[in-house]
């Protein structure tokens, strides 16, 4: 028994010491993000991006954190500052990985953050931009589950805004769920997430579209 414990400890030590500085940094950045220490997480992703100049993932995540944490803000100046920084990070990621669907749909999410803040001010222009982004991503990666999910969420938001049924887009959510379940996760730190979100939306779809 003691021998097994020693071996287990040795293997664990090897696993820990085998981490590269990049892996250590990325793991620490994700831990900060999980702890809702967004500023620190962004700063660490930014430092990793400076060291990993040919890797699109660190600037992508830095931008994504800025975007996600901008929803719900009441201060337009702060919103603009965060989303301007986010765009800078996404631009850097896009220079490394051109026409990357994960980055493109993050641009759409950035636009959505502006629209959510003030639809009257940003809606018309940025809605057209998002339509173009989703058209492009569907051509590039029609079976990417995050592309399908993001487009369906956008369509649902538009339908609700105009007082229309979301039912036609619930099928897209179900398709996204199927694609998530089939997706092979082979790249470390790749943004594979989204299945839980899709399932949550699917449940809401059933509630909203079921007969009373």
N, C-alpha and C. Protein backbone atom coordinates (compact mmCIF):
# COMPACT_ATOMS: atom_id res chain seq x y z
N UNK A 1 0.84 -1.21 0.00
CA UNK A 1 0.00 0.00 0.00
C UNK A 1 0.87 1.25 0.00
N UNK A 2 1.91 1.22 0.87
CA UNK A 2 2.81 2.37 0.94
C UNK A 2 3.52 2.59 -0.38
N UNK A 3 3.90 1.46 -1.03
CA UNK A 3 4.57 1.56 -2.33
C UNK A 3 3.68 2.23 -3.36
N UNK A 4 2.40 1.86 -3.35
CA UNK A 4 1.45 2.46 -4.28
C UNK A 4 1.32 3.96 -4.04
N UNK A 5 1.30 4.35 -2.78
CA UNK A 5 1.20 5.77 -2.45
C UNK A 5 2.43 6.53 -2.92
N UNK A 6 3.60 5.91 -2.74
CA UNK A 6 4.84 6.55 -3.19
C UNK A 6 4.84 6.71 -4.70
N UNK A 7 4.42 5.66 -5.40
CA UNK A 7 4.37 5.71 -6.87
C UNK A 7 3.38 6.78 -7.32
N UNK A 8 2.22 6.82 -6.68
CA UNK A 8 1.21 7.82 -7.04
C UNK A 8 1.75 9.23 -6.83
N UNK A 9 2.42 9.44 -5.71
CA UNK A 9 3.00 10.75 -5.44
C UNK A 9 4.07 11.10 -6.46
N UNK A 10 4.86 10.09 -6.86
CA UNK A 10 5.92 10.32 -7.84
C UNK A 10 5.34 10.70 -9.19
N UNK A 11 4.28 9.98 -9.60
CA UNK A 11 3.62 10.29 -10.87
C UNK A 11 3.03 11.68 -10.85
N UNK A 12 2.38 12.03 -9.72
CA UNK A 12 1.80 13.36 -9.59
C UNK A 12 2.87 14.42 -9.69
N UNK A 13 4.02 14.18 -9.05
CA UNK A 13 5.13 15.13 -9.10
C UNK A 13 5.63 15.30 -10.53
N UNK A 14 5.73 14.18 -11.24
CA UNK A 14 6.15 14.25 -12.64
C UNK A 14 5.18 15.07 -13.47
N UNK A 15 3.89 14.86 -13.22
CA UNK A 15 2.87 15.60 -13.98
C UNK A 15 2.98 17.09 -13.71
N UNK A 16 3.23 17.42 -12.43
CA UNK A 16 3.32 18.83 -12.07
C UNK A 16 4.58 19.47 -12.65
N UNK A 17 5.70 18.74 -12.53
CA UNK A 17 6.96 19.30 -13.01
C UNK A 17 7.03 19.30 -14.53
N UNK A 18 6.19 18.48 -15.17
CA UNK A 18 6.22 18.40 -16.63
C UNK A 18 5.51 19.58 -17.28
N UNK A 19 4.80 20.36 -16.48
CA UNK A 19 4.10 21.51 -17.05
C UNK A 19 5.09 22.53 -17.60
N UNK A 20 4.80 23.01 -18.79
CA UNK A 20 5.60 24.08 -19.36
C UNK A 20 5.19 25.40 -18.73
N UNK A 21 6.02 26.44 -18.85
CA UNK A 21 5.62 27.76 -18.36
C UNK A 21 4.29 28.23 -18.98
N UNK A 22 4.08 27.89 -20.25
CA UNK A 22 2.83 28.24 -20.92
C UNK A 22 1.65 27.57 -20.23
N UNK A 23 1.76 26.27 -19.97
CA UNK A 23 0.67 25.55 -19.34
C UNK A 23 0.40 26.06 -17.92
N UNK A 24 1.46 26.33 -17.19
CA UNK A 24 1.31 26.86 -15.84
C UNK A 24 0.58 28.20 -15.88
N UNK A 25 1.00 29.06 -16.80
CA UNK A 25 0.38 30.37 -16.92
C UNK A 25 -1.08 30.28 -17.31
N UNK A 26 -1.38 29.43 -18.28
CA UNK A 26 -2.77 29.28 -18.73
C UNK A 26 -3.64 28.72 -17.61
N UNK A 27 -3.14 27.72 -16.90
CA UNK A 27 -3.92 27.15 -15.79
C UNK A 27 -4.18 28.19 -14.71
N UNK A 28 -3.17 28.99 -14.41
CA UNK A 28 -3.34 30.04 -13.40
C UNK A 28 -4.34 31.09 -13.86
N UNK A 29 -4.29 31.43 -15.15
CA UNK A 29 -5.21 32.44 -15.69
C UNK A 29 -6.65 31.94 -15.63
N UNK A 30 -6.86 30.69 -15.98
CA UNK A 30 -8.21 30.12 -15.91
C UNK A 30 -8.70 30.06 -14.46
N UNK A 31 -7.79 29.76 -13.53
CA UNK A 31 -8.17 29.72 -12.12
C UNK A 31 -8.60 31.11 -11.64
N UNK A 32 -7.88 32.13 -12.06
CA UNK A 32 -8.25 33.51 -11.70
C UNK A 32 -9.63 33.86 -12.27
N UNK A 33 -9.85 33.46 -13.51
CA UNK A 33 -11.14 33.73 -14.15
C UNK A 33 -12.26 33.01 -13.41
N UNK A 34 -12.01 31.77 -13.05
CA UNK A 34 -13.02 30.99 -12.33
C UNK A 34 -13.34 31.64 -10.98
N UNK A 35 -12.34 32.26 -10.38
CA UNK A 35 -12.54 32.95 -9.09
C UNK A 35 -13.09 34.36 -9.28
N UNK A 36 -13.45 34.70 -10.52
CA UNK A 36 -14.03 36.01 -10.86
C UNK A 36 -13.04 37.15 -10.63
N UNK A 37 -11.76 36.84 -10.69
CA UNK A 37 -10.73 37.87 -10.63
C UNK A 37 -10.39 38.26 -12.08
N UNK A 38 -11.34 38.94 -12.70
CA UNK A 38 -11.27 39.17 -14.14
C UNK A 38 -10.08 40.03 -14.55
N UNK A 39 -9.83 41.08 -13.80
CA UNK A 39 -8.72 41.98 -14.15
C UNK A 39 -7.40 41.23 -14.11
N UNK A 40 -7.19 40.45 -13.05
CA UNK A 40 -5.95 39.69 -12.92
C UNK A 40 -5.84 38.63 -14.01
N UNK A 41 -6.96 38.00 -14.35
CA UNK A 41 -6.95 36.97 -15.40
C UNK A 41 -6.58 37.58 -16.75
N UNK A 42 -7.18 38.73 -17.06
CA UNK A 42 -6.88 39.40 -18.32
C UNK A 42 -5.40 39.78 -18.38
N UNK A 43 -4.89 40.31 -17.29
CA UNK A 43 -3.49 40.72 -17.26
C UNK A 43 -2.56 39.53 -17.47
N UNK A 44 -2.90 38.40 -16.87
CA UNK A 44 -2.06 37.21 -17.04
C UNK A 44 -2.15 36.68 -18.46
N UNK A 45 -3.36 36.61 -19.02
CA UNK A 45 -3.49 36.19 -20.42
C UNK A 45 -2.71 37.13 -21.35
N UNK A 46 -2.71 38.41 -21.01
CA UNK A 46 -1.98 39.38 -21.82
C UNK A 46 -0.47 39.12 -21.76
N UNK A 47 0.03 38.79 -20.58
CA UNK A 47 1.46 38.49 -20.44
C UNK A 47 1.81 37.20 -21.19
N UNK A 48 0.92 36.22 -21.11
CA UNK A 48 1.16 34.98 -21.84
C UNK A 48 1.18 35.25 -23.34
N UNK A 49 0.26 36.10 -23.79
CA UNK A 49 0.20 36.44 -25.23
C UNK A 49 1.49 37.09 -25.70
N UNK A 50 2.09 37.92 -24.84
CA UNK A 50 3.34 38.57 -25.21
C UNK A 50 4.47 37.56 -25.36
N UNK A 51 4.42 36.51 -24.55
CA UNK A 51 5.46 35.48 -24.61
C UNK A 51 5.20 34.44 -25.69
N UNK A 52 3.92 34.25 -26.03
CA UNK A 52 3.52 33.24 -27.03
C UNK A 52 2.96 33.97 -28.25
N UNK A 53 3.82 34.62 -28.98
CA UNK A 53 3.38 35.54 -30.04
C UNK A 53 2.72 34.85 -31.23
N UNK A 54 2.85 33.53 -31.32
CA UNK A 54 2.23 32.81 -32.44
C UNK A 54 1.01 32.00 -31.99
N UNK A 55 0.49 32.28 -30.81
CA UNK A 55 -0.62 31.51 -30.24
C UNK A 55 -1.82 32.44 -30.06
N UNK A 56 -2.92 32.12 -30.73
CA UNK A 56 -4.09 32.99 -30.70
C UNK A 56 -4.92 32.85 -29.43
N UNK A 57 -4.73 31.78 -28.68
CA UNK A 57 -5.60 31.52 -27.53
C UNK A 57 -5.47 32.53 -26.39
N UNK A 58 -4.25 32.92 -25.96
CA UNK A 58 -4.17 33.88 -24.85
C UNK A 58 -4.86 35.22 -25.14
N UNK A 59 -4.60 35.87 -26.29
CA UNK A 59 -5.32 37.12 -26.54
C UNK A 59 -6.82 36.91 -26.73
N UNK A 60 -7.19 35.77 -27.28
CA UNK A 60 -8.62 35.46 -27.44
C UNK A 60 -9.31 35.44 -26.08
N UNK A 61 -8.72 34.74 -25.12
CA UNK A 61 -9.35 34.65 -23.80
C UNK A 61 -9.34 35.99 -23.07
N UNK A 62 -8.28 36.77 -23.26
CA UNK A 62 -8.24 38.10 -22.66
C UNK A 62 -9.40 38.94 -23.18
N UNK A 63 -9.63 38.87 -24.48
CA UNK A 63 -10.74 39.61 -25.08
C UNK A 63 -12.08 39.09 -24.63
N UNK A 64 -12.21 37.77 -24.54
CA UNK A 64 -13.50 37.18 -24.15
C UNK A 64 -13.89 37.58 -22.73
N UNK A 65 -12.92 37.61 -21.83
CA UNK A 65 -13.22 38.01 -20.45
C UNK A 65 -13.71 39.44 -20.40
N UNK A 66 -13.06 40.32 -21.15
CA UNK A 66 -13.49 41.72 -21.18
C UNK A 66 -14.92 41.84 -21.72
N UNK A 67 -15.23 41.05 -22.72
CA UNK A 67 -16.58 41.11 -23.31
C UNK A 67 -17.63 40.59 -22.32
N UNK A 68 -17.41 39.41 -21.81
CA UNK A 68 -18.40 38.78 -20.92
C UNK A 68 -18.64 39.64 -19.68
N UNK A 69 -17.58 40.23 -19.15
CA UNK A 69 -17.72 41.03 -17.93
C UNK A 69 -18.29 42.42 -18.18
N UNK A 70 -18.54 42.76 -19.44
CA UNK A 70 -19.12 44.07 -19.76
C UNK A 70 -20.65 44.04 -19.75
N UNK A 71 -21.23 42.85 -19.85
CA UNK A 71 -22.69 42.76 -19.82
C UNK A 71 -23.21 43.16 -18.43
N UNK A 72 -24.21 44.00 -18.43
CA UNK A 72 -24.79 44.46 -17.17
C UNK A 72 -24.20 45.75 -16.65
N UNK A 73 -23.16 46.26 -17.28
CA UNK A 73 -22.58 47.53 -16.84
C UNK A 73 -23.55 48.68 -17.10
N UNK A 74 -23.52 49.67 -16.24
CA UNK A 74 -24.38 50.85 -16.38
C UNK A 74 -23.60 52.08 -16.84
N UNK A 75 -22.29 52.01 -16.73
CA UNK A 75 -21.42 53.14 -17.08
C UNK A 75 -20.93 52.96 -18.52
N UNK A 76 -21.36 53.84 -19.42
CA UNK A 76 -20.99 53.69 -20.83
C UNK A 76 -19.51 53.88 -21.06
N UNK A 77 -18.89 54.77 -20.30
CA UNK A 77 -17.45 54.99 -20.46
C UNK A 77 -16.67 53.73 -20.10
N UNK A 78 -17.06 53.07 -19.02
CA UNK A 78 -16.40 51.83 -18.62
C UNK A 78 -16.66 50.73 -19.64
N UNK A 79 -17.90 50.65 -20.11
CA UNK A 79 -18.25 49.67 -21.14
C UNK A 79 -17.37 49.86 -22.38
N UNK A 80 -17.27 51.09 -22.83
CA UNK A 80 -16.48 51.38 -24.03
C UNK A 80 -15.01 51.04 -23.83
N UNK A 81 -14.49 51.36 -22.65
CA UNK A 81 -13.09 51.04 -22.35
C UNK A 81 -12.85 49.54 -22.42
N UNK A 82 -13.73 48.77 -21.78
CA UNK A 82 -13.56 47.33 -21.75
C UNK A 82 -13.70 46.71 -23.14
N UNK A 83 -14.68 47.17 -23.90
CA UNK A 83 -14.91 46.58 -25.21
C UNK A 83 -13.87 47.03 -26.23
N UNK A 84 -13.32 48.21 -26.04
CA UNK A 84 -12.22 48.65 -26.90
C UNK A 84 -10.99 47.78 -26.65
N UNK A 85 -10.73 47.51 -25.38
CA UNK A 85 -9.62 46.60 -25.04
C UNK A 85 -9.89 45.20 -25.60
N UNK A 86 -11.12 44.77 -25.48
CA UNK A 86 -11.48 43.44 -25.99
C UNK A 86 -11.22 43.35 -27.49
N UNK A 87 -11.59 44.38 -28.21
CA UNK A 87 -11.38 44.37 -29.66
C UNK A 87 -9.90 44.32 -30.00
N UNK A 88 -9.09 45.03 -29.22
CA UNK A 88 -7.64 45.00 -29.44
C UNK A 88 -7.11 43.58 -29.27
N UNK A 89 -7.58 42.90 -28.24
CA UNK A 89 -7.15 41.51 -28.02
C UNK A 89 -7.63 40.60 -29.15
N UNK A 90 -8.89 40.76 -29.56
CA UNK A 90 -9.41 39.92 -30.64
C UNK A 90 -8.69 40.19 -31.95
N UNK A 91 -8.36 41.45 -32.19
CA UNK A 91 -7.61 41.80 -33.40
C UNK A 91 -6.25 41.10 -33.40
N UNK A 92 -5.61 41.07 -32.23
CA UNK A 92 -4.31 40.40 -32.12
C UNK A 92 -4.46 38.90 -32.37
N UNK A 93 -5.50 38.31 -31.83
CA UNK A 93 -5.75 36.89 -32.05
C UNK A 93 -6.04 36.60 -33.52
N UNK A 94 -6.80 37.50 -34.15
CA UNK A 94 -7.18 37.33 -35.55
C UNK A 94 -5.98 37.45 -36.49
N UNK A 95 -5.01 38.27 -36.11
CA UNK A 95 -3.80 38.39 -36.93
C UNK A 95 -3.03 37.07 -36.94
N UNK A 96 -3.10 36.34 -35.83
CA UNK A 96 -2.41 35.06 -35.73
C UNK A 96 -3.21 33.96 -36.42
N UNK A 97 -4.53 33.99 -36.26
CA UNK A 97 -5.40 32.94 -36.81
C UNK A 97 -6.54 33.60 -37.59
N UNK A 98 -6.30 33.87 -38.84
CA UNK A 98 -7.26 34.60 -39.67
C UNK A 98 -8.49 33.73 -39.98
N UNK A 99 -9.65 34.38 -39.99
CA UNK A 99 -10.92 33.71 -40.30
C UNK A 99 -11.20 32.54 -39.36
N UNK A 100 -10.77 32.69 -38.12
CA UNK A 100 -11.04 31.68 -37.09
C UNK A 100 -12.47 31.87 -36.59
N UNK A 101 -13.32 30.86 -36.72
CA UNK A 101 -14.73 31.04 -36.33
C UNK A 101 -14.92 31.37 -34.86
N UNK A 102 -14.04 30.86 -33.99
CA UNK A 102 -14.17 31.16 -32.56
C UNK A 102 -13.94 32.64 -32.30
N UNK A 103 -12.99 33.21 -33.00
CA UNK A 103 -12.70 34.64 -32.85
C UNK A 103 -13.81 35.47 -33.47
N UNK A 104 -14.28 35.05 -34.62
CA UNK A 104 -15.33 35.81 -35.32
C UNK A 104 -16.61 35.90 -34.49
N UNK A 105 -17.02 34.80 -33.89
CA UNK A 105 -18.26 34.87 -33.10
C UNK A 105 -18.05 35.68 -31.82
N UNK A 106 -16.79 35.82 -31.40
CA UNK A 106 -16.51 36.69 -30.25
C UNK A 106 -16.66 38.16 -30.63
N UNK A 107 -16.32 38.49 -31.87
CA UNK A 107 -16.61 39.85 -32.36
C UNK A 107 -18.12 40.11 -32.33
N UNK A 108 -18.90 39.10 -32.70
CA UNK A 108 -20.36 39.25 -32.67
C UNK A 108 -20.85 39.43 -31.24
N UNK A 109 -20.25 38.70 -30.30
CA UNK A 109 -20.63 38.85 -28.89
C UNK A 109 -20.27 40.24 -28.39
N UNK A 110 -19.13 40.76 -28.84
CA UNK A 110 -18.73 42.13 -28.49
C UNK A 110 -19.79 43.12 -28.97
N UNK A 111 -20.22 42.97 -30.21
CA UNK A 111 -21.28 43.85 -30.74
C UNK A 111 -22.56 43.71 -29.92
N UNK A 112 -22.87 42.49 -29.53
CA UNK A 112 -24.08 42.25 -28.75
C UNK A 112 -24.02 42.96 -27.40
N UNK A 113 -22.83 43.05 -26.83
CA UNK A 113 -22.67 43.76 -25.55
C UNK A 113 -23.02 45.24 -25.71
N UNK A 114 -22.59 45.83 -26.82
CA UNK A 114 -22.97 47.23 -27.10
C UNK A 114 -24.48 47.35 -27.27
N UNK A 115 -25.06 46.44 -28.04
CA UNK A 115 -26.50 46.50 -28.32
C UNK A 115 -27.30 46.31 -27.04
N UNK A 116 -26.85 45.39 -26.18
CA UNK A 116 -27.55 45.15 -24.92
C UNK A 116 -27.52 46.38 -24.03
N UNK A 117 -26.44 47.16 -24.15
CA UNK A 117 -26.32 48.38 -23.34
C UNK A 117 -27.27 49.46 -23.83
N UNK A 118 -27.31 49.66 -25.16
CA UNK A 118 -28.16 50.71 -25.73
C UNK A 118 -28.55 50.32 -27.15
N UNK A 119 -29.67 49.62 -27.26
CA UNK A 119 -30.12 49.14 -28.56
C UNK A 119 -30.45 50.25 -29.53
N UNK A 120 -30.99 51.36 -29.01
CA UNK A 120 -31.34 52.48 -29.88
C UNK A 120 -30.11 53.10 -30.52
N UNK A 121 -29.02 53.14 -29.77
CA UNK A 121 -27.80 53.77 -30.25
C UNK A 121 -26.98 52.85 -31.14
N UNK A 122 -26.89 51.58 -30.76
CA UNK A 122 -25.97 50.67 -31.44
C UNK A 122 -26.66 49.60 -32.29
N UNK A 123 -27.97 49.44 -32.10
CA UNK A 123 -28.66 48.30 -32.70
C UNK A 123 -28.58 48.21 -34.21
N UNK A 124 -28.91 49.29 -34.90
CA UNK A 124 -29.02 49.21 -36.35
C UNK A 124 -27.68 48.87 -37.00
N UNK A 125 -26.64 49.59 -36.64
CA UNK A 125 -25.34 49.38 -37.27
C UNK A 125 -24.74 48.04 -36.91
N UNK A 126 -24.72 47.73 -35.62
CA UNK A 126 -24.05 46.52 -35.18
C UNK A 126 -24.85 45.25 -35.47
N UNK A 127 -26.17 45.37 -35.58
CA UNK A 127 -26.97 44.21 -35.99
C UNK A 127 -26.60 43.78 -37.40
N UNK A 128 -26.37 44.76 -38.26
CA UNK A 128 -25.95 44.45 -39.63
C UNK A 128 -24.57 43.79 -39.64
N UNK A 129 -23.68 44.28 -38.78
CA UNK A 129 -22.35 43.67 -38.67
C UNK A 129 -22.45 42.22 -38.21
N UNK A 130 -23.30 41.99 -37.23
CA UNK A 130 -23.46 40.62 -36.73
C UNK A 130 -24.03 39.69 -37.79
N UNK A 131 -24.98 40.19 -38.55
CA UNK A 131 -25.55 39.37 -39.63
C UNK A 131 -24.46 38.94 -40.60
N UNK A 132 -23.55 39.86 -40.91
CA UNK A 132 -22.44 39.55 -41.82
C UNK A 132 -21.48 38.55 -41.19
N UNK A 133 -21.22 38.72 -39.89
CA UNK A 133 -20.32 37.79 -39.19
C UNK A 133 -20.89 36.38 -39.20
N UNK A 134 -22.17 36.27 -38.87
CA UNK A 134 -22.77 34.93 -38.81
C UNK A 134 -22.88 34.29 -40.19
N UNK A 135 -23.11 35.09 -41.19
CA UNK A 135 -23.12 34.57 -42.56
C UNK A 135 -21.74 34.01 -42.92
N UNK A 136 -20.71 34.73 -42.52
CA UNK A 136 -19.33 34.30 -42.81
C UNK A 136 -18.98 33.03 -42.04
N UNK A 137 -19.30 33.00 -40.76
CA UNK A 137 -18.91 31.83 -39.95
C UNK A 137 -19.67 30.58 -40.38
N UNK A 138 -20.91 30.74 -40.82
CA UNK A 138 -21.67 29.58 -41.27
C UNK A 138 -21.07 28.98 -42.54
N UNK A 139 -20.45 29.83 -43.35
CA UNK A 139 -19.78 29.33 -44.56
C UNK A 139 -18.44 28.68 -44.22
N UNK A 140 -17.73 29.26 -43.23
CA UNK A 140 -16.42 28.73 -42.85
C UNK A 140 -16.55 27.44 -42.06
N UNK A 141 -17.46 27.44 -41.08
CA UNK A 141 -17.56 26.29 -40.15
C UNK A 141 -19.02 25.98 -39.84
N UNK A 142 -19.76 25.45 -40.82
CA UNK A 142 -21.20 25.22 -40.63
C UNK A 142 -21.52 24.21 -39.54
N UNK A 143 -20.56 23.34 -39.20
CA UNK A 143 -20.81 22.32 -38.19
C UNK A 143 -20.08 22.59 -36.88
N UNK A 144 -19.61 23.81 -36.72
CA UNK A 144 -19.00 24.20 -35.45
C UNK A 144 -20.14 24.45 -34.45
N UNK A 145 -20.21 23.72 -33.34
CA UNK A 145 -21.35 23.87 -32.44
C UNK A 145 -21.49 25.25 -31.84
N UNK A 146 -20.35 25.94 -31.61
CA UNK A 146 -20.43 27.29 -31.04
C UNK A 146 -20.94 28.29 -32.06
N UNK A 147 -20.63 28.08 -33.32
CA UNK A 147 -21.18 28.92 -34.38
C UNK A 147 -22.69 28.74 -34.46
N UNK A 148 -23.13 27.49 -34.46
CA UNK A 148 -24.57 27.20 -34.55
C UNK A 148 -25.30 27.77 -33.33
N UNK A 149 -24.74 27.58 -32.15
CA UNK A 149 -25.36 28.07 -30.91
C UNK A 149 -25.40 29.59 -30.88
N UNK A 150 -24.30 30.22 -31.22
CA UNK A 150 -24.23 31.68 -31.18
C UNK A 150 -25.22 32.31 -32.15
N UNK A 151 -25.30 31.75 -33.35
CA UNK A 151 -26.24 32.26 -34.35
C UNK A 151 -27.68 32.07 -33.87
N UNK A 152 -27.97 30.91 -33.29
CA UNK A 152 -29.33 30.64 -32.81
C UNK A 152 -29.71 31.60 -31.68
N UNK A 153 -28.78 31.86 -30.77
CA UNK A 153 -29.05 32.80 -29.68
C UNK A 153 -29.32 34.20 -30.23
N UNK A 154 -28.54 34.59 -31.22
CA UNK A 154 -28.74 35.90 -31.83
C UNK A 154 -30.11 35.98 -32.50
N UNK A 155 -30.47 34.94 -33.23
CA UNK A 155 -31.77 34.91 -33.90
C UNK A 155 -32.92 34.95 -32.89
N UNK A 156 -32.75 34.25 -31.78
CA UNK A 156 -33.78 34.26 -30.74
C UNK A 156 -33.94 35.65 -30.12
N UNK A 157 -32.81 36.30 -29.88
CA UNK A 157 -32.87 37.65 -29.33
C UNK A 157 -33.58 38.60 -30.27
N UNK A 158 -33.29 38.47 -31.55
CA UNK A 158 -33.95 39.32 -32.55
C UNK A 158 -35.44 39.02 -32.60
N UNK A 159 -35.80 37.74 -32.55
CA UNK A 159 -37.22 37.35 -32.58
C UNK A 159 -37.97 37.92 -31.39
N UNK A 160 -37.38 37.82 -30.22
CA UNK A 160 -38.02 38.37 -29.02
C UNK A 160 -38.19 39.88 -29.13
N UNK A 161 -37.17 40.55 -29.66
CA UNK A 161 -37.22 42.01 -29.79
C UNK A 161 -38.39 42.43 -30.67
N UNK A 162 -38.62 41.67 -31.74
CA UNK A 162 -39.69 42.01 -32.68
C UNK A 162 -41.00 41.30 -32.36
N UNK A 163 -41.08 40.65 -31.21
CA UNK A 163 -42.32 40.01 -30.79
C UNK A 163 -42.68 38.77 -31.58
N UNK A 164 -41.67 38.08 -32.12
CA UNK A 164 -41.93 36.87 -32.92
C UNK A 164 -41.59 35.62 -32.12
N UNK A 165 -42.04 34.49 -32.62
CA UNK A 165 -41.78 33.22 -31.95
C UNK A 165 -40.32 32.80 -32.10
N UNK A 166 -39.80 32.19 -31.03
CA UNK A 166 -38.43 31.67 -31.10
C UNK A 166 -38.42 30.23 -31.58
N UNK A 167 -39.59 29.65 -31.76
CA UNK A 167 -39.70 28.22 -32.10
C UNK A 167 -38.83 27.79 -33.29
N UNK A 168 -38.77 28.59 -34.37
CA UNK A 168 -37.96 28.14 -35.51
C UNK A 168 -36.48 27.93 -35.17
N UNK A 169 -36.01 28.58 -34.11
CA UNK A 169 -34.59 28.52 -33.79
C UNK A 169 -34.28 27.48 -32.71
N UNK A 170 -35.32 26.92 -32.11
CA UNK A 170 -35.10 25.87 -31.11
C UNK A 170 -34.47 24.64 -31.76
N UNK A 171 -34.82 24.38 -33.01
CA UNK A 171 -34.22 23.25 -33.72
C UNK A 171 -32.72 23.46 -33.90
N UNK A 172 -32.30 24.71 -34.08
CA UNK A 172 -30.88 25.01 -34.21
C UNK A 172 -30.15 24.73 -32.90
N UNK A 173 -30.81 25.01 -31.78
CA UNK A 173 -30.22 24.71 -30.48
C UNK A 173 -30.02 23.20 -30.33
N UNK A 174 -31.02 22.44 -30.73
CA UNK A 174 -30.91 20.98 -30.64
C UNK A 174 -29.79 20.47 -31.55
N UNK A 175 -29.65 21.10 -32.70
CA UNK A 175 -28.56 20.71 -33.61
C UNK A 175 -27.21 21.03 -32.97
N UNK A 176 -27.12 22.18 -32.32
CA UNK A 176 -25.87 22.55 -31.64
C UNK A 176 -25.52 21.53 -30.57
N UNK A 177 -26.52 21.09 -29.80
CA UNK A 177 -26.28 20.10 -28.75
C UNK A 177 -25.70 18.82 -29.35
N UNK A 178 -26.28 18.38 -30.46
CA UNK A 178 -25.76 17.19 -31.13
C UNK A 178 -24.33 17.36 -31.59
N UNK A 179 -24.02 18.53 -32.12
CA UNK A 179 -22.66 18.80 -32.59
C UNK A 179 -21.67 18.87 -31.43
N UNK A 180 -22.10 19.46 -30.32
CA UNK A 180 -21.24 19.48 -29.13
C UNK A 180 -20.90 18.06 -28.68
N UNK A 181 -21.90 17.21 -28.68
CA UNK A 181 -21.71 15.84 -28.19
C UNK A 181 -20.83 15.02 -29.13
N UNK A 182 -20.79 15.39 -30.39
CA UNK A 182 -19.97 14.67 -31.36
C UNK A 182 -18.55 15.23 -31.47
N UNK A 183 -18.34 16.42 -30.95
CA UNK A 183 -17.06 17.11 -31.14
C UNK A 183 -15.92 16.42 -30.39
N UNK A 184 -14.82 16.20 -31.10
CA UNK A 184 -13.62 15.64 -30.48
C UNK A 184 -12.78 16.77 -29.91
N UNK A 185 -12.44 16.66 -28.64
CA UNK A 185 -11.68 17.71 -27.96
C UNK A 185 -10.21 17.30 -27.91
N UNK A 186 -9.46 17.77 -28.87
CA UNK A 186 -8.08 17.32 -29.06
C UNK A 186 -7.04 18.41 -28.80
N UNK A 187 -7.45 19.66 -28.73
CA UNK A 187 -6.50 20.76 -28.58
C UNK A 187 -6.60 21.34 -27.17
N UNK A 188 -5.49 21.35 -26.46
CA UNK A 188 -5.49 21.85 -25.09
C UNK A 188 -5.82 23.34 -25.06
N UNK A 189 -6.70 23.70 -24.16
CA UNK A 189 -7.14 25.09 -23.93
C UNK A 189 -8.05 25.64 -25.03
N UNK A 190 -8.42 24.81 -25.98
CA UNK A 190 -9.34 25.27 -27.03
C UNK A 190 -10.71 25.56 -26.40
N UNK A 191 -11.41 26.58 -26.88
CA UNK A 191 -12.71 26.94 -26.29
C UNK A 191 -13.84 26.00 -26.69
N UNK A 192 -13.81 24.78 -26.16
CA UNK A 192 -14.82 23.79 -26.50
C UNK A 192 -16.14 23.99 -25.77
N UNK A 193 -16.18 24.87 -24.80
CA UNK A 193 -17.36 24.99 -23.94
C UNK A 193 -18.59 25.46 -24.71
N UNK A 194 -19.76 25.23 -24.10
CA UNK A 194 -21.01 25.68 -24.72
C UNK A 194 -22.14 24.69 -24.59
N UNK A 195 -21.82 23.43 -24.30
CA UNK A 195 -22.86 22.40 -24.23
C UNK A 195 -23.86 22.70 -23.11
N UNK A 196 -23.36 23.06 -21.94
CA UNK A 196 -24.27 23.35 -20.83
C UNK A 196 -25.19 24.53 -21.15
N UNK A 197 -24.61 25.53 -21.79
CA UNK A 197 -25.40 26.70 -22.20
C UNK A 197 -26.48 26.28 -23.19
N UNK A 198 -26.12 25.44 -24.15
CA UNK A 198 -27.09 24.98 -25.15
C UNK A 198 -28.22 24.19 -24.50
N UNK A 199 -27.89 23.36 -23.53
CA UNK A 199 -28.92 22.57 -22.84
C UNK A 199 -29.86 23.49 -22.04
N UNK A 200 -29.30 24.53 -21.44
CA UNK A 200 -30.12 25.49 -20.69
C UNK A 200 -31.10 26.20 -21.61
N UNK A 201 -30.61 26.62 -22.77
CA UNK A 201 -31.47 27.31 -23.74
C UNK A 201 -32.53 26.35 -24.27
N UNK A 202 -32.15 25.10 -24.49
CA UNK A 202 -33.09 24.09 -24.96
C UNK A 202 -34.25 23.92 -23.98
N UNK A 203 -33.91 23.89 -22.69
CA UNK A 203 -34.96 23.75 -21.66
C UNK A 203 -35.89 24.95 -21.68
N UNK A 204 -35.33 26.14 -21.86
CA UNK A 204 -36.15 27.35 -21.94
C UNK A 204 -37.01 27.35 -23.20
N UNK A 205 -36.46 26.81 -24.28
CA UNK A 205 -37.21 26.68 -25.53
C UNK A 205 -38.48 25.87 -25.30
N UNK A 206 -38.31 24.76 -24.63
CA UNK A 206 -39.45 23.87 -24.39
C UNK A 206 -40.52 24.57 -23.55
N UNK A 207 -40.08 25.37 -22.57
CA UNK A 207 -41.04 26.10 -21.73
C UNK A 207 -41.78 27.17 -22.53
N UNK A 208 -41.02 27.91 -23.36
CA UNK A 208 -41.61 29.03 -24.09
C UNK A 208 -42.51 28.59 -25.23
N UNK A 209 -42.22 27.44 -25.80
CA UNK A 209 -42.96 27.02 -27.00
C UNK A 209 -44.00 25.95 -26.72
N UNK A 210 -44.03 25.42 -25.49
CA UNK A 210 -45.01 24.38 -25.19
C UNK A 210 -46.39 25.00 -24.98
N UNK A 211 -47.46 24.30 -25.39
CA UNK A 211 -48.82 24.82 -25.19
C UNK A 211 -49.13 24.94 -23.70
N UNK A 212 -49.85 25.97 -23.33
CA UNK A 212 -50.20 26.17 -21.92
C UNK A 212 -51.31 25.20 -21.51
